[in-house]
Amino acid sequence: MVQHRSPDVAPGDEPGAPAPEPARRTFGKRWLALPLVAAAGLAIAVSVMPPESAGAPTAAASSTAAPSLSASASAAPSAIVPAPAPVETSPPAVDPGPAAAQPTGLSFPAAAIDMAVLPLTPSEEDLSSQSLVPPLTTDAYWISSYGVPGAGSVNTTYIAGHSWDGKDAPFNRLSDESLVGQEFTLATQTGSMTYVVDSVITHDKDTLKDSEIWNIVPNRVVLISCYTEDPWGKNVVVTAMPKAA
């Protein structure tokens, strides 16, 4: 999911890399990503290990703590008359789906993605450095030290993949904000779950580990790759929640 000239270069450490503006920016529709690794093609050194991930439990038992960066609520206004009582609304019903289990496949028609999802367990060195370089393939990798999708999920499911230069890699096509509102399906060891994309955003590679995407959100899915418009400095992050029944 990250493009670097050698697999041991951490996100944002590529010599001569631009200092990108933080997070969110408008996306262009250019699929070509710069080379990740010299002639080899690609490397995804992405900062995907928040400090609290070290020693995190795996699979469904995962409950990795992550820094809470949610914005604080606005202070209540000082008013002469009481504010009207908030109207209570029920959240849309969501099909709980099959029991939470390891994801095994990703089908994302709007991004022309239909591929297997392979498990990837971070090493002690990954956890210590808070960065991860998946194998240099076009595969999708489930980061096993966090959540799993399905009924009973206790954390976010993270799936990472490389973008490639000079070839049509599936995750090249995540750098497109028109994917918001589109659906994708995760096949799991117990069934399948359908998700709806709620955001497509960018993060600086060197600050991704401190972002709100690591907040614990059960049954959320986050897809991470290299942002094709700025592969040296940014990652693209696609977030999604289960489709309402």
Protein backbone atom coordinates (compact mmCIF):
# COMPACT_ATOMS: atom_id res chain seq x y z
CA MET A 1 0.00 0.00 0.00
CA VAL A 2 2.96 2.29 0.05
CA GLN A 3 5.36 3.01 -2.69
CA HIS A 4 9.06 3.26 -1.85
CA ARG A 5 12.35 2.64 -3.54
CA SER A 6 13.45 0.02 -1.03
CA PRO A 7 11.46 -2.16 1.35
CA ASP A 8 13.28 -0.88 4.43
CA VAL A 9 12.25 2.74 3.94
CA ALA A 10 9.67 3.81 6.47
CA PRO A 11 6.68 5.97 5.45
CA GLY A 12 7.74 9.50 4.73
CA ASP A 13 11.48 8.62 4.94
CA GLU A 14 12.10 8.39 1.16
CA PRO A 15 14.94 10.79 0.32
CA GLY A 16 13.62 13.93 -1.25
CA ALA A 17 10.04 13.14 -0.25
CA PRO A 18 7.85 16.24 -0.18
CA ALA A 19 6.47 17.44 3.12
CA PRO A 20 2.75 16.92 2.40
CA GLU A 21 -0.04 18.94 3.91
CA PRO A 22 -1.84 16.96 6.65
CA ALA A 23 -4.71 14.62 5.80
CA ARG A 24 -7.78 15.26 3.68
CA ARG A 25 -7.40 16.52 0.18
CA THR A 26 -9.31 16.34 -3.04
CA PHE A 27 -8.53 13.29 -5.14
CA GLY A 28 -7.76 13.15 -8.79
CA LYS A 29 -8.50 10.07 -10.82
CA ARG A 30 -4.98 9.06 -11.75
CA TRP A 31 -4.35 5.39 -11.17
CA LEU A 32 -0.63 5.30 -11.80
CA ALA A 33 1.44 5.08 -8.65
CA LEU A 34 5.15 5.76 -8.43
CA PRO A 35 7.54 2.85 -7.93
CA LEU A 36 7.64 1.41 -4.46
CA VAL A 37 10.85 -0.39 -4.67
CA ALA A 38 13.55 0.13 -7.19
CA ALA A 39 12.96 -2.04 -10.21
CA ALA A 40 11.09 -4.57 -8.15
CA GLY A 41 7.95 -2.56 -8.31
CA LEU A 42 6.49 -1.86 -4.98
CA ALA A 43 6.72 -1.55 -1.29
CA ILE A 44 4.08 -0.46 1.14
CA ALA A 45 5.90 0.82 4.15
CA VAL A 46 2.93 2.29 5.89
CA SER A 47 2.79 3.57 9.41
CA VAL A 48 0.05 1.32 10.63
CA MET A 49 1.14 0.56 14.15
CA PRO A 50 -0.13 2.97 16.78
CA PRO A 51 1.94 2.84 19.98
CA GLU A 52 -0.69 0.87 21.88
CA SER A 53 -0.71 -1.97 19.36
CA ALA A 54 2.28 -3.74 20.85
CA GLY A 55 1.19 -6.98 22.44
CA ALA A 56 -2.34 -6.60 21.16
CA PRO A 57 -4.48 -9.75 21.11
CA THR A 58 -5.23 -11.22 17.72
CA ALA A 59 -8.39 -12.07 15.79
CA ALA A 60 -11.81 -11.77 17.43
CA ALA A 61 -10.35 -11.28 20.88
CA SER A 62 -8.53 -8.17 19.70
CA SER A 63 -9.18 -4.97 21.62
CA THR A 64 -6.18 -2.88 20.71
CA ALA A 65 -6.37 0.49 22.34
CA ALA A 66 -5.69 3.45 20.12
CA PRO A 67 -5.36 7.15 20.84
CA SER A 68 -8.71 8.83 20.91
CA LEU A 69 -8.52 11.87 18.67
CA SER A 70 -12.21 12.51 18.42
CA ALA A 71 -13.11 16.19 18.47
CA SER A 72 -14.43 17.45 21.77
CA ALA A 73 -18.07 18.32 21.96
CA SER A 74 -18.93 22.01 21.71
CA ALA A 75 -19.68 23.77 24.96
CA ALA A 76 -23.39 24.18 25.66
CA PRO A 77 -24.55 27.71 24.77
CA SER A 78 -25.59 30.04 27.53
CA ALA A 79 -29.23 30.77 26.71
CA ILE A 80 -32.06 32.52 28.50
CA VAL A 81 -34.59 29.96 27.36
CA PRO A 82 -33.93 26.25 27.61
CA ALA A 83 -32.85 24.57 24.42
CA PRO A 84 -35.38 22.17 22.94
CA ALA A 85 -34.97 18.58 23.98
CA PRO A 86 -33.04 16.56 21.44
CA VAL A 87 -35.11 14.33 19.23
CA GLU A 88 -34.16 10.74 19.79
CA THR A 89 -33.66 8.77 16.62
CA SER A 90 -32.95 5.11 16.30
CA PRO A 91 -29.87 4.12 14.32
CA PRO A 92 -30.63 2.16 11.18
CA ALA A 93 -30.93 -1.55 11.76
CA VAL A 94 -27.83 -3.44 10.75
CA ASP A 95 -27.73 -7.10 9.92
CA PRO A 96 -25.23 -8.50 12.45
CA GLY A 97 -24.08 -11.00 9.85
CA PRO A 98 -22.21 -14.21 10.54
CA ALA A 99 -20.03 -14.66 13.62
CA ALA A 100 -16.94 -12.46 13.59
CA ALA A 101 -14.13 -14.26 11.82
CA GLN A 102 -10.99 -13.76 9.77
CA PRO A 103 -11.64 -12.09 6.38
CA THR A 104 -10.68 -14.22 3.40
CA GLY A 105 -11.84 -12.23 0.36
CA LEU A 106 -12.67 -8.69 -0.80
CA SER A 107 -15.16 -7.90 -3.57
CA PHE A 108 -15.43 -4.18 -4.39
CA PRO A 109 -17.19 -3.77 -7.77
CA ALA A 110 -16.89 0.04 -7.95
CA ALA A 111 -13.10 -0.29 -7.66
CA ALA A 112 -12.89 -3.39 -9.88
CA ILE A 113 -11.45 -5.37 -6.96
CA ASP A 114 -12.16 -9.06 -6.44
CA MET A 115 -9.35 -10.74 -4.57
CA ALA A 116 -8.29 -12.96 -1.69
CA VAL A 117 -7.37 -11.43 1.66
CA LEU A 118 -4.34 -12.98 3.36
CA PRO A 119 -3.45 -12.77 7.06
CA LEU A 120 -0.43 -10.69 8.09
CA THR A 121 0.79 -10.73 11.68
CA PRO A 122 3.06 -7.79 12.60
CA SER A 123 6.47 -8.77 13.97
CA GLU A 124 7.94 -7.42 17.19
CA GLU A 125 10.08 -5.12 15.04
CA ASP A 126 6.96 -3.83 13.24
CA LEU A 127 5.25 -3.13 16.52
CA SER A 128 8.33 -1.40 17.90
CA SER A 129 8.80 0.80 14.83
CA GLN A 130 5.05 1.36 14.40
CA SER A 131 5.30 0.70 10.68
CA LEU A 132 4.58 -2.26 8.48
CA VAL A 133 5.83 -3.35 5.07
CA PRO A 134 3.61 -6.12 3.67
CA PRO A 135 5.08 -8.65 1.24
CA LEU A 136 5.85 -7.14 -2.15
CA THR A 137 2.82 -8.52 -3.96
CA THR A 138 -0.46 -7.20 -5.31
CA ASP A 139 -2.37 -9.09 -2.59
CA ALA A 140 -4.55 -7.67 0.16
CA TYR A 141 -3.43 -8.30 3.74
CA TRP A 142 -5.55 -8.42 6.88
CA ILE A 143 -3.58 -7.05 9.85
CA SER A 144 -4.30 -9.80 12.35
CA SER A 145 -3.51 -7.89 15.56
CA TYR A 146 -6.72 -5.84 15.32
CA GLY A 147 -10.35 -6.70 14.58
CA VAL A 148 -12.33 -9.17 12.50
CA PRO A 149 -15.63 -8.51 10.70
CA GLY A 150 -18.99 -9.97 11.68
CA ALA A 151 -21.36 -10.32 14.62
CA GLY A 152 -19.45 -9.87 17.86
CA SER A 153 -16.66 -7.78 16.31
CA VAL A 154 -14.79 -5.82 18.99
CA ASN A 155 -12.48 -3.67 16.88
CA THR A 156 -11.85 -2.24 13.43
CA THR A 157 -10.72 -4.60 10.67
CA TYR A 158 -7.66 -3.27 8.82
CA ILE A 159 -6.74 -4.44 5.32
CA ALA A 160 -3.61 -3.12 3.61
CA GLY A 161 -2.32 -3.50 0.07
CA HIS A 162 0.29 -2.03 -2.24
CA SER A 163 -0.18 0.39 -5.10
CA TRP A 164 2.08 -0.33 -8.08
CA ASP A 165 3.76 1.62 -10.83
CA GLY A 166 3.54 0.36 -14.37
CA LYS A 167 0.93 -2.31 -13.73
CA ASP A 168 -2.73 -2.46 -12.85
CA ALA A 169 -2.71 -3.37 -9.16
CA PRO A 170 -6.11 -3.62 -7.44
CA PHE A 171 -5.34 -1.15 -4.65
CA ASN A 172 -4.28 1.52 -7.16
CA ARG A 173 -7.99 2.13 -7.59
CA LEU A 174 -8.71 3.14 -3.99
CA SER A 175 -7.44 6.70 -4.59
CA ASP A 176 -10.84 7.91 -5.75
CA GLU A 177 -13.25 9.89 -3.58
CA SER A 178 -16.17 8.84 -5.81
CA LEU A 179 -16.05 5.52 -3.93
CA VAL A 180 -17.91 7.16 -1.02
CA GLY A 181 -21.35 5.56 -0.80
CA GLN A 182 -20.26 2.47 -2.74
CA GLU A 183 -20.53 -1.03 -1.31
CA PHE A 184 -18.03 -3.84 -0.94
CA THR A 185 -18.26 -7.32 0.52
CA LEU A 186 -15.85 -9.12 2.80
CA ALA A 187 -15.94 -12.91 2.68
CA THR A 188 -14.99 -14.46 6.03
CA GLN A 189 -14.44 -17.91 7.44
CA THR A 190 -18.09 -17.92 8.62
CA GLY A 191 -19.94 -16.10 5.81
CA SER A 192 -19.87 -12.61 4.32
CA MET A 193 -20.57 -8.98 5.31
CA THR A 194 -21.48 -6.02 3.09
CA TYR A 195 -20.08 -2.59 3.92
CA VAL A 196 -20.77 0.95 2.68
CA VAL A 197 -17.87 3.38 2.21
CA ASP A 198 -18.29 6.50 4.34
CA SER A 199 -14.98 8.26 3.62
CA VAL A 200 -11.97 8.27 1.32
CA ILE A 201 -9.25 10.45 2.84
CA THR A 202 -5.48 10.89 2.84
CA HIS A 203 -3.03 10.90 5.72
CA ASP A 204 0.62 11.83 5.84
CA LYS A 205 2.60 8.62 6.11
CA ASP A 206 4.63 9.84 9.06
CA THR A 207 1.54 10.76 11.11
CA LEU A 208 -0.85 7.95 10.13
CA LYS A 209 0.03 6.03 13.29
CA ASP A 210 -1.37 8.90 15.39
CA SER A 211 -4.60 9.37 13.46
CA GLU A 212 -8.19 8.69 14.49
CA ILE A 213 -8.40 5.68 12.19
CA TRP A 214 -6.91 3.64 15.06
CA ASN A 215 -9.82 4.39 17.38
CA ILE A 216 -11.60 1.20 18.42
CA VAL A 217 -14.77 0.97 16.32
CA PRO A 218 -16.29 -2.53 16.28
CA ASN A 219 -17.13 -3.86 12.80
CA ARG A 220 -15.67 -0.88 10.96
CA VAL A 221 -13.43 -1.76 8.01
CA VAL A 222 -10.42 0.36 6.98
CA LEU A 223 -8.58 -0.20 3.70
CA ILE A 224 -5.10 1.36 3.46
CA SER A 225 -2.82 1.86 0.47
CA CYS A 226 -0.52 4.43 -1.07
CA TYR A 227 -2.23 7.57 -2.41
CA THR A 228 -1.47 7.55 -6.13
CA GLU A 229 -1.35 11.35 -6.42
CA ASP A 230 1.39 11.60 -3.75
CA PRO A 231 2.79 8.09 -3.20
CA TRP A 232 5.92 9.39 -1.48
CA GLY A 233 4.13 11.38 1.19
CA LYS A 234 0.59 10.11 1.70
CA ASN A 235 -1.54 7.05 2.26
CA VAL A 236 -5.14 6.76 1.10
CA VAL A 237 -7.54 5.47 3.74
CA VAL A 238 -11.00 4.11 2.89
CA THR A 239 -13.38 3.63 5.84
CA ALA A 240 -16.65 1.72 5.79
CA MET A 241 -19.41 0.47 8.10
CA PRO A 242 -21.86 -2.44 7.73
CA LYS A 243 -24.75 -1.86 5.34
CA ALA A 244 -28.08 -1.14 7.02
CA ALA A 245 -30.56 -4.00 6.80
